[in-house]
Protein backbone atom coordinates (compact mmCIF):
# COMPACT_ATOMS: atom_id res chain seq x y z
CA MET A 1 0.00 0.00 0.00
CA PRO A 2 1.36 3.47 -0.87
CA LYS A 3 2.16 5.68 2.08
CA ASN A 4 0.63 9.12 2.48
CA THR A 5 2.33 12.35 3.47
CA SER A 6 0.66 15.50 4.77
CA TYR A 7 1.73 18.85 3.29
CA SER A 8 0.82 22.37 4.42
CA LEU A 9 0.10 25.64 2.64
CA PRO A 10 -0.61 29.06 4.16
CA LYS A 11 -4.16 30.37 3.86
CA ASP A 12 -4.92 34.10 4.12
CA SER A 13 -1.19 34.82 4.01
CA LYS A 14 0.00 38.37 4.57
CA ALA A 15 3.54 37.73 3.30
CA TRP A 16 3.10 39.58 0.00
CA GLN A 17 1.19 42.44 1.63
CA GLN A 18 3.97 42.86 4.19
CA ALA A 19 6.52 42.99 1.37
CA VAL A 20 4.49 45.72 -0.35
CA ASP A 21 4.10 47.64 2.91
CA SER A 22 7.89 47.66 3.27
CA ILE A 23 8.35 49.55 -0.02
CA ALA A 24 5.54 52.11 0.52
CA ALA A 25 8.05 54.99 0.56
CA LEU A 26 9.18 54.07 -2.97
CA LEU A 27 5.69 54.25 -4.47
CA PRO A 28 4.08 57.38 -5.90
CA GLU A 29 2.68 59.72 -3.27
CA ASN A 30 -0.80 58.84 -2.00
CA THR A 31 -0.70 55.31 -3.39
CA ASN A 32 -3.33 53.24 -1.58
CA LEU A 33 -1.68 49.94 -0.65
CA GLN A 34 -5.12 48.31 -0.40
CA ASP A 35 -6.09 49.35 -3.93
CA PHE A 36 -4.88 46.29 -5.84
CA ASP A 37 -5.96 47.68 -9.23
CA ALA A 38 -3.83 50.79 -8.65
CA LEU A 39 -0.88 48.66 -7.56
CA GLN A 40 -1.35 46.40 -10.57
CA SER A 41 -1.01 49.39 -12.90
CA LEU A 42 2.44 50.18 -11.50
CA PRO A 43 5.73 48.45 -12.45
CA VAL A 44 5.92 46.65 -9.10
CA PHE A 45 6.62 42.99 -9.76
CA ALA A 46 6.50 39.66 -8.05
CA LEU A 47 9.46 37.60 -9.21
CA ILE A 48 8.93 33.90 -8.54
CA VAL A 49 11.71 31.43 -9.29
CA VAL A 50 10.73 27.74 -9.28
CA LEU A 51 13.59 25.27 -9.33
CA PRO A 52 13.28 21.46 -9.14
CA THR A 53 15.37 20.13 -6.28
CA GLN A 54 17.51 17.98 -8.58
CA VAL A 55 18.71 21.09 -10.43
CA SER A 56 21.78 22.58 -8.91
CA ALA A 57 22.76 24.88 -7.00
CA LEU A 58 23.50 28.33 -7.97
CA ASP A 59 22.82 30.41 -4.89
CA ILE A 60 19.58 31.91 -6.20
CA HIS A 61 19.32 34.56 -3.48
CA GLN A 62 22.87 35.71 -4.16
CA TYR A 63 22.33 35.58 -7.91
CA VAL A 64 19.24 37.80 -7.81
CA GLN A 65 20.75 40.18 -5.24
CA SER A 66 23.93 40.60 -7.31
CA TRP A 67 21.85 41.63 -10.32
CA VAL A 68 19.99 44.21 -8.23
CA ASP A 69 23.30 45.47 -6.82
CA GLU A 70 24.38 46.18 -10.41
CA GLN A 71 21.09 47.97 -11.19
CA PRO A 72 20.72 51.29 -9.37
CA SER A 73 17.17 51.55 -10.74
CA TRP A 74 15.79 48.57 -8.78
CA HIS A 75 15.11 47.63 -5.19
CA LEU A 76 14.69 44.01 -4.06
CA VAL A 77 12.60 42.61 -1.20
CA THR A 78 12.70 38.93 -0.31
CA VAL A 79 9.20 37.76 0.57
CA ALA A 80 9.34 36.32 4.06
CA GLU A 81 8.15 32.91 5.10
CA ASP A 82 4.57 32.91 6.34
CA THR A 83 4.35 33.02 10.11
CA ASP A 84 1.02 34.69 10.87
CA ALA A 85 -1.09 32.77 8.34
CA SER A 86 -3.36 29.91 9.19
CA PHE A 87 -2.26 26.73 7.44
CA VAL A 88 -4.26 24.09 5.59
CA ASN A 89 -3.06 20.51 5.29
CA ILE A 90 -3.52 18.18 2.35
CA THR A 91 -2.76 14.48 2.35
CA VAL A 92 -0.97 13.18 -0.74
CA SER A 93 -0.01 9.63 -1.66
CA ASP A 94 3.76 9.26 -1.86
CA THR A 95 3.47 7.62 -5.29
CA GLU A 96 0.85 7.38 -8.01
CA PRO A 97 0.48 5.18 -11.10
CA THR A 98 1.52 6.15 -14.63
CA ALA A 99 0.18 4.97 -17.98
CA ALA A 100 2.83 2.23 -18.06
CA ASP A 101 1.72 0.93 -14.64
CA ALA A 102 4.90 2.29 -13.11
CA GLN A 103 4.94 4.60 -10.09
CA ARG A 104 5.94 8.25 -9.95
CA LEU A 105 6.04 11.05 -7.42
CA PRO A 106 2.71 12.87 -7.01
CA PHE A 107 4.31 16.24 -7.74
CA THR A 108 7.71 17.73 -8.52
CA HIS A 109 9.70 18.59 -5.42
CA THR A 110 10.97 22.13 -5.82
CA GLN A 111 12.55 25.15 -4.26
CA VAL A 112 10.47 28.33 -4.64
CA TYR A 113 12.06 31.76 -4.28
CA ARG A 114 9.75 34.77 -3.95
CA TYR A 115 10.79 38.40 -4.42
CA LEU A 116 9.34 41.85 -4.89
CA LEU A 117 11.08 44.08 -7.44
CA VAL A 118 10.30 47.79 -7.43
CA PRO A 119 11.92 50.62 -9.41
CA VAL A 120 13.46 53.43 -7.38
CA THR A 121 13.53 56.05 -10.14
CA ASP A 122 10.73 58.32 -11.30
CA THR A 123 11.63 57.37 -14.86
CA LEU A 124 10.44 53.78 -14.39
CA MET A 125 7.86 54.31 -11.63
CA HIS A 126 4.99 55.11 -13.96
CA PRO A 127 2.09 52.96 -15.27
CA GLY A 128 3.18 53.64 -18.84
CA LYS A 129 6.57 52.08 -18.13
CA LYS A 130 5.22 48.80 -16.75
CA THR A 131 5.68 46.69 -19.90
CA ALA A 132 9.15 48.11 -20.55
CA ALA A 133 10.16 47.46 -16.95
CA ALA A 134 9.01 43.83 -17.15
CA HIS A 135 11.07 43.38 -20.32
CA ILE A 136 14.13 44.78 -18.54
CA ILE A 137 13.77 42.19 -15.77
CA ASP A 138 13.22 39.37 -18.24
CA ASP A 139 16.05 40.35 -20.59
CA GLN A 140 18.65 41.19 -17.97
CA LEU A 141 17.82 38.88 -15.07
CA THR A 142 15.57 35.91 -15.73
CA ALA A 143 16.87 35.13 -19.23
CA ARG A 144 20.40 35.15 -17.85
CA LEU A 145 19.34 33.01 -14.87
CA ARG A 146 17.76 30.42 -17.18
CA ARG A 147 20.90 30.32 -19.32
CA ASP A 148 23.32 29.98 -16.41
CA LEU A 149 21.24 27.36 -14.60
CA THR A 150 20.86 25.33 -17.80
CA GLU A 151 24.59 25.52 -18.50
CA GLU A 152 25.48 24.47 -14.96
CA TYR A 153 22.93 21.65 -14.97
CA ASN A 154 24.13 20.32 -18.33
CA ASN A 155 27.71 20.35 -17.08
CA THR A 156 26.75 18.09 -14.18
CA ARG A 157 24.74 15.59 -16.22
CA SER A 158 26.22 12.28 -17.26
CA ALA A 159 27.78 12.07 -20.70
CA ASP A 160 25.07 9.71 -21.97
CA SER A 161 22.22 12.06 -21.04
CA THR A 162 20.44 13.37 -24.09
CA GLY A 163 18.00 16.10 -24.91
CA ASN A 164 17.39 19.57 -23.57
CA ILE A 165 15.17 20.15 -20.57
CA ASN A 166 13.71 23.19 -18.92
CA VAL A 167 15.42 23.68 -15.58
CA VAL A 168 13.69 26.73 -14.10
CA ASP A 169 10.41 28.64 -14.25
CA CYS A 170 10.65 32.40 -13.71
CA HIS A 171 7.36 34.23 -13.29
CA ILE A 172 7.37 38.04 -13.58
CA LEU A 173 3.92 39.07 -12.40
CA SER A 174 2.22 42.24 -11.32
CA VAL A 175 2.11 42.28 -7.55
CA GLY A 176 -1.66 42.72 -7.76
CA HIS A 177 -1.94 39.04 -8.70
CA MET A 178 -0.29 38.12 -5.40
CA LEU A 179 -2.43 40.37 -3.23
CA ARG A 180 -5.87 39.36 -4.46
CA THR A 181 -7.84 36.52 -2.90
CA HIS A 182 -8.68 34.20 -5.78
CA LYS A 183 -11.75 32.00 -5.45
CA LEU A 184 -12.37 30.26 -8.78
CA ALA A 185 -9.94 27.97 -10.63
CA CYS A 186 -10.81 26.70 -14.12
CA PHE A 187 -8.82 23.99 -15.90
CA ASP A 188 -8.67 22.61 -19.40
CA MET A 189 -8.64 18.80 -19.51
CA ASP A 190 -6.65 17.38 -22.43
CA SER A 191 -2.87 17.80 -21.93
CA THR A 192 -3.61 19.82 -18.79
CA LEU A 193 -5.46 17.78 -16.15
CA ILE A 194 -4.62 14.61 -18.10
CA GLU A 195 -1.57 13.71 -20.15
CA GLN A 196 -3.46 12.57 -23.26
CA GLU A 197 -5.59 14.16 -25.97
CA VAL A 198 -8.81 12.12 -25.79
CA ILE A 199 -9.73 12.61 -29.47
CA VAL A 200 -6.36 11.10 -30.43
CA GLU A 201 -6.94 8.11 -28.14
CA LEU A 202 -10.43 7.67 -29.60
CA ALA A 203 -9.13 7.85 -33.15
CA LYS A 204 -6.39 5.29 -32.51
CA THR A 205 -8.74 2.88 -30.76
CA ALA A 206 -11.46 3.24 -33.40
CA GLY A 207 -8.94 2.83 -36.25
CA ILE A 208 -9.62 6.26 -37.75
CA GLY A 209 -6.34 7.95 -36.86
CA GLU A 210 -5.42 8.97 -40.43
CA GLU A 211 -8.86 10.43 -41.15
CA VAL A 212 -8.85 12.46 -37.93
CA GLU A 213 -5.32 13.70 -38.62
CA ALA A 214 -6.37 14.87 -42.11
CA ILE A 215 -9.27 16.87 -40.66
CA THR A 216 -7.00 18.37 -37.98
CA GLU A 217 -4.44 19.43 -40.59
CA ALA A 218 -7.17 21.02 -42.76
CA ALA A 219 -8.30 23.02 -39.73
CA MET A 220 -4.73 24.12 -39.03
CA ARG A 221 -4.44 25.33 -42.64
CA GLY A 222 -7.58 27.39 -42.13
CA GLU A 223 -9.61 25.42 -44.67
CA ILE A 224 -12.29 24.59 -42.09
CA ASP A 225 -13.01 26.21 -38.73
CA PHE A 226 -12.80 24.51 -35.33
CA ASP A 227 -16.54 23.81 -35.07
CA GLU A 228 -16.70 22.16 -38.48
CA SER A 229 -13.56 20.12 -37.86
CA PHE A 230 -14.98 18.99 -34.53
CA ALA A 231 -18.26 17.91 -36.15
CA GLN A 232 -16.40 15.96 -38.85
CA ARG A 233 -14.25 14.14 -36.30
CA VAL A 234 -17.27 13.21 -34.16
CA ALA A 235 -19.06 11.88 -37.25
CA LEU A 236 -16.18 9.46 -37.78
CA LEU A 237 -16.83 8.00 -34.32
CA LYS A 238 -20.30 6.73 -35.31
CA GLY A 239 -20.81 3.19 -34.07
CA THR A 240 -18.08 3.30 -31.43
CA SER A 241 -19.17 1.21 -28.44
CA THR A 242 -19.34 2.56 -24.90
CA ASP A 243 -17.07 -0.39 -24.01
CA VAL A 244 -14.39 1.36 -26.06
CA LEU A 245 -15.08 4.64 -24.27
CA ASP A 246 -14.80 2.94 -20.88
CA ASP A 247 -11.53 1.31 -21.91
CA ILE A 248 -10.14 4.72 -22.86
CA CYS A 249 -11.27 6.17 -19.51
CA SER A 250 -9.34 3.45 -17.71
CA ARG A 251 -6.19 4.32 -19.70
CA LEU A 252 -6.27 8.08 -19.14
CA THR A 253 -3.42 9.30 -16.95
CA LEU A 254 -3.73 12.29 -14.65
CA SER A 255 -1.01 14.88 -15.14
CA THR A 256 1.69 15.00 -12.50
CA GLY A 257 0.50 17.20 -9.67
CA ALA A 258 -3.16 17.21 -10.72
CA ARG A 259 -4.43 15.48 -7.56
CA THR A 260 -2.18 17.61 -5.36
CA THR A 261 -3.24 20.84 -7.04
CA ILE A 262 -6.98 20.26 -6.90
CA SER A 263 -6.77 19.02 -3.30
CA ALA A 264 -4.77 22.10 -2.32
CA LEU A 265 -7.05 24.56 -4.09
CA LYS A 266 -10.16 23.06 -2.52
CA ALA A 267 -8.53 23.15 0.93
CA LEU A 268 -7.74 26.82 0.28
CA GLY A 269 -11.42 27.50 -0.47
CA TYR A 270 -11.44 27.58 -4.28
CA HIS A 271 -14.36 26.47 -6.42
CA THR A 272 -12.88 24.23 -9.14
CA VAL A 273 -14.16 23.81 -12.69
CA LEU A 274 -13.19 21.57 -15.60
CA VAL A 275 -13.81 23.42 -18.89
CA SER A 276 -13.05 21.25 -21.92
CA GLY A 277 -13.53 21.22 -25.66
CA GLY A 278 -13.58 17.43 -25.26
CA PHE A 279 -16.43 15.21 -24.17
CA THR A 280 -18.45 15.07 -20.96
CA TYR A 281 -18.15 11.24 -20.97
CA PHE A 282 -14.47 11.57 -20.14
CA ALA A 283 -14.54 14.93 -18.39
CA ARG A 284 -16.97 13.71 -15.74
CA TYR A 285 -14.81 10.65 -15.13
CA ILE A 286 -11.72 12.83 -14.62
CA ALA A 287 -13.60 15.33 -12.46
CA GLU A 288 -14.79 12.48 -10.24
CA GLN A 289 -11.22 11.18 -9.91
CA LEU A 290 -10.01 14.61 -8.81
CA GLY A 291 -12.99 15.88 -6.83
CA ILE A 292 -13.55 18.85 -9.17
CA ASP A 293 -16.74 20.74 -8.38
CA GLU A 294 -18.28 21.11 -11.83
CA VAL A 295 -17.77 20.11 -15.47
CA HIS A 296 -18.46 21.82 -18.79
CA ALA A 297 -17.70 19.95 -22.04
CA ASN A 298 -19.32 18.65 -25.21
CA ALA A 299 -21.99 15.98 -24.82
CA LEU A 300 -21.19 12.77 -26.72
CA ASP A 301 -24.50 11.57 -28.18
CA ILE A 302 -24.99 7.87 -27.38
CA GLU A 303 -27.88 5.56 -28.27
CA GLU A 304 -28.16 1.87 -27.47
CA GLY A 305 -24.57 1.73 -26.26
CA GLU A 306 -23.00 3.32 -29.36
CA VAL A 307 -21.88 6.80 -30.40
CA THR A 308 -24.33 8.25 -32.93
CA GLY A 309 -21.82 10.58 -34.61
CA HIS A 310 -24.10 13.57 -33.98
CA ILE A 311 -23.04 16.61 -32.01
CA GLN A 312 -25.00 18.85 -29.71
CA TRP A 313 -24.66 22.56 -30.40
CA PRO A 314 -23.18 24.89 -29.33
CA ILE A 315 -19.74 23.32 -29.37
CA VAL A 316 -17.44 24.22 -26.48
CA ASN A 317 -14.79 26.13 -28.42
CA GLY A 318 -12.48 28.89 -27.20
CA ALA A 319 -15.18 31.57 -27.11
CA LYS A 320 -17.61 29.24 -25.37
CA LYS A 321 -14.96 28.35 -22.76
CA ALA A 322 -14.55 32.03 -21.95
CA ALA A 323 -18.32 32.50 -21.71
CA ILE A 324 -18.62 29.49 -19.37
CA VAL A 325 -15.94 30.90 -17.07
CA GLU A 326 -17.60 34.32 -17.04
CA HIS A 327 -21.06 32.91 -16.37
CA THR A 328 -19.78 30.58 -13.65
CA ALA A 329 -18.09 33.46 -11.84
CA GLU A 330 -21.22 35.59 -12.12
CA ARG A 331 -23.41 32.73 -10.83
CA LEU A 332 -21.14 32.26 -7.81
CA GLY A 333 -20.82 35.98 -7.09
CA ILE A 334 -17.09 35.94 -7.86
CA GLU A 335 -15.31 38.83 -9.57
CA MET A 336 -13.22 38.06 -12.67
CA SER A 337 -10.28 39.54 -10.73
CA GLN A 338 -10.60 36.46 -8.47
CA VAL A 339 -10.43 33.90 -11.29
CA VAL A 340 -7.51 31.71 -12.37
CA CYS A 341 -7.55 29.78 -15.66
CA VAL A 342 -5.08 27.07 -16.68
CA GLY A 343 -4.64 25.50 -20.11
CA ASP A 344 -2.25 24.49 -22.85
CA GLY A 345 -3.85 25.29 -26.21
CA ALA A 346 -4.92 28.24 -28.33
CA ASN A 347 -8.59 27.60 -27.52
CA ASP A 348 -7.74 28.23 -23.85
CA LEU A 349 -6.47 31.75 -24.55
CA PRO A 350 -9.90 33.48 -24.46
CA MET A 351 -10.69 32.23 -20.94
CA MET A 352 -7.12 32.90 -19.80
CA ALA A 353 -7.40 36.48 -21.09
CA LEU A 354 -10.57 37.06 -19.03
CA ALA A 355 -9.05 35.73 -15.82
CA ASP A 356 -6.93 37.69 -13.39
CA LEU A 357 -4.22 35.06 -13.82
CA GLY A 358 -3.88 32.97 -16.97
CA VAL A 359 -1.45 30.06 -16.61
CA ALA A 360 0.03 28.10 -19.53
CA TYR A 361 0.80 24.49 -18.63
CA HIS A 362 3.53 22.82 -20.74
CA ALA A 363 1.92 24.79 -23.53
CA LYS A 364 2.57 25.68 -27.12
CA PRO A 365 4.85 28.76 -27.56
CA ILE A 366 2.03 31.07 -28.67
CA VAL A 367 0.09 30.22 -25.50
CA GLN A 368 3.11 30.69 -23.23
CA ALA A 369 3.82 34.07 -24.83
CA ARG A 370 0.30 35.34 -24.09
CA ALA A 371 -0.15 33.82 -20.62
CA ASP A 372 0.63 35.63 -17.39
CA ALA A 373 2.72 32.67 -16.21
CA ALA A 374 4.08 29.54 -17.90
CA ILE A 375 4.75 26.23 -16.16
CA ASN A 376 7.44 24.06 -17.73
CA VAL A 377 9.51 22.46 -14.94
CA THR A 378 6.89 21.14 -12.52
CA GLY A 379 3.61 19.34 -12.65
CA LEU A 380 0.28 21.11 -12.39
CA GLU A 381 1.16 22.15 -8.82
CA GLY A 382 3.19 24.90 -10.46
CA THR A 383 -0.15 26.73 -10.55
CA LEU A 384 0.13 27.17 -6.77
CA TYR A 385 3.56 28.76 -7.14
CA ALA A 386 2.36 31.11 -9.89
CA LEU A 387 -0.33 32.20 -7.41
CA GLY A 388 2.41 33.18 -4.98
CA TYR A 389 2.33 30.23 -2.58
CA PRO A 390 5.59 28.84 -1.18
CA ALA A 391 6.81 25.33 -1.93
CA LEU A 392 4.68 22.55 -0.49
CA ALA A 393 6.15 21.69 2.90
CA PRO A 394 5.71 18.36 4.73
CA THR A 395 3.99 18.82 8.07
CA GLU A 396 6.01 17.87 11.12
């Protein structure tokens, strides 16, 4: 039997607020430190560095401080460990199964470094300079940190190691994201909550892989739109037995950190939602596995134990995903500034753009470029770190 370990996270933490309070004298006169929208308009940044424990060993604190020491325009505050917060505990199995019936860790063990960066010159301390200031940090600090960490890590790897890996996530976020209390977390399913793309698994199992690939490529060339391509692919599934669907359900693998992330968010008081352009047949199964509160996806029309090949309109595409998130927040009385959305594909961008924090998970480059934060070195628990939480800590 797998063992369980209890981990803690701070709830209602004041660590980021205390960091902001400490730099009040550097902010424009009469800045209200409780006005998160006003703070978000200023070039005051949370810098979050997430480093897997197996990646060496630059002294990150010293590295970041040395950059600031070379930059007379910037002031650095290290965000303190949470002492006054109440803590929530989550219980996580020490191992979990993979698709190959092997065992893996339930999340990536990491070191998380949290800083506040604030300009000390009137030239940069202006809302109109926010984008330029973020680029300065990325170009001069985090890009260099990624390069140096990668070089050092590659130098310590064995000679027969192959391939390039991401070794660090650096999030440069407006401090407003850290100060708000978020209440609603919405997740894509395929390649986000689970490792597979269900339509690909369906196509392979039903023996229609080439036909589905041809439709997908036509959509990518712009010859047909997403809704039409979706309808054509579903039509090819006509006659597929529910036994096949159940077999695919049993083979779906949760993404690393998915159980940990959903458990943590629910313990922290979030309402969790699965929003998928896939099918409810699979989405409900995954939501039940994870304890997600509600599901929105495309209904798969089934009669007498077989897929009919018909679709039910409207299809859950990118625009529909955004509308679902907006309506869910409104129904629950939650502001969009309290919403987090996580996904990996272009059809996740509309809902991510609406949210206060849009997180790209092992995503395509175009999605990473437009997201507020991009997770590449951890499992889905990297969402917690992008929200400003410290590394998961075992309880004593």
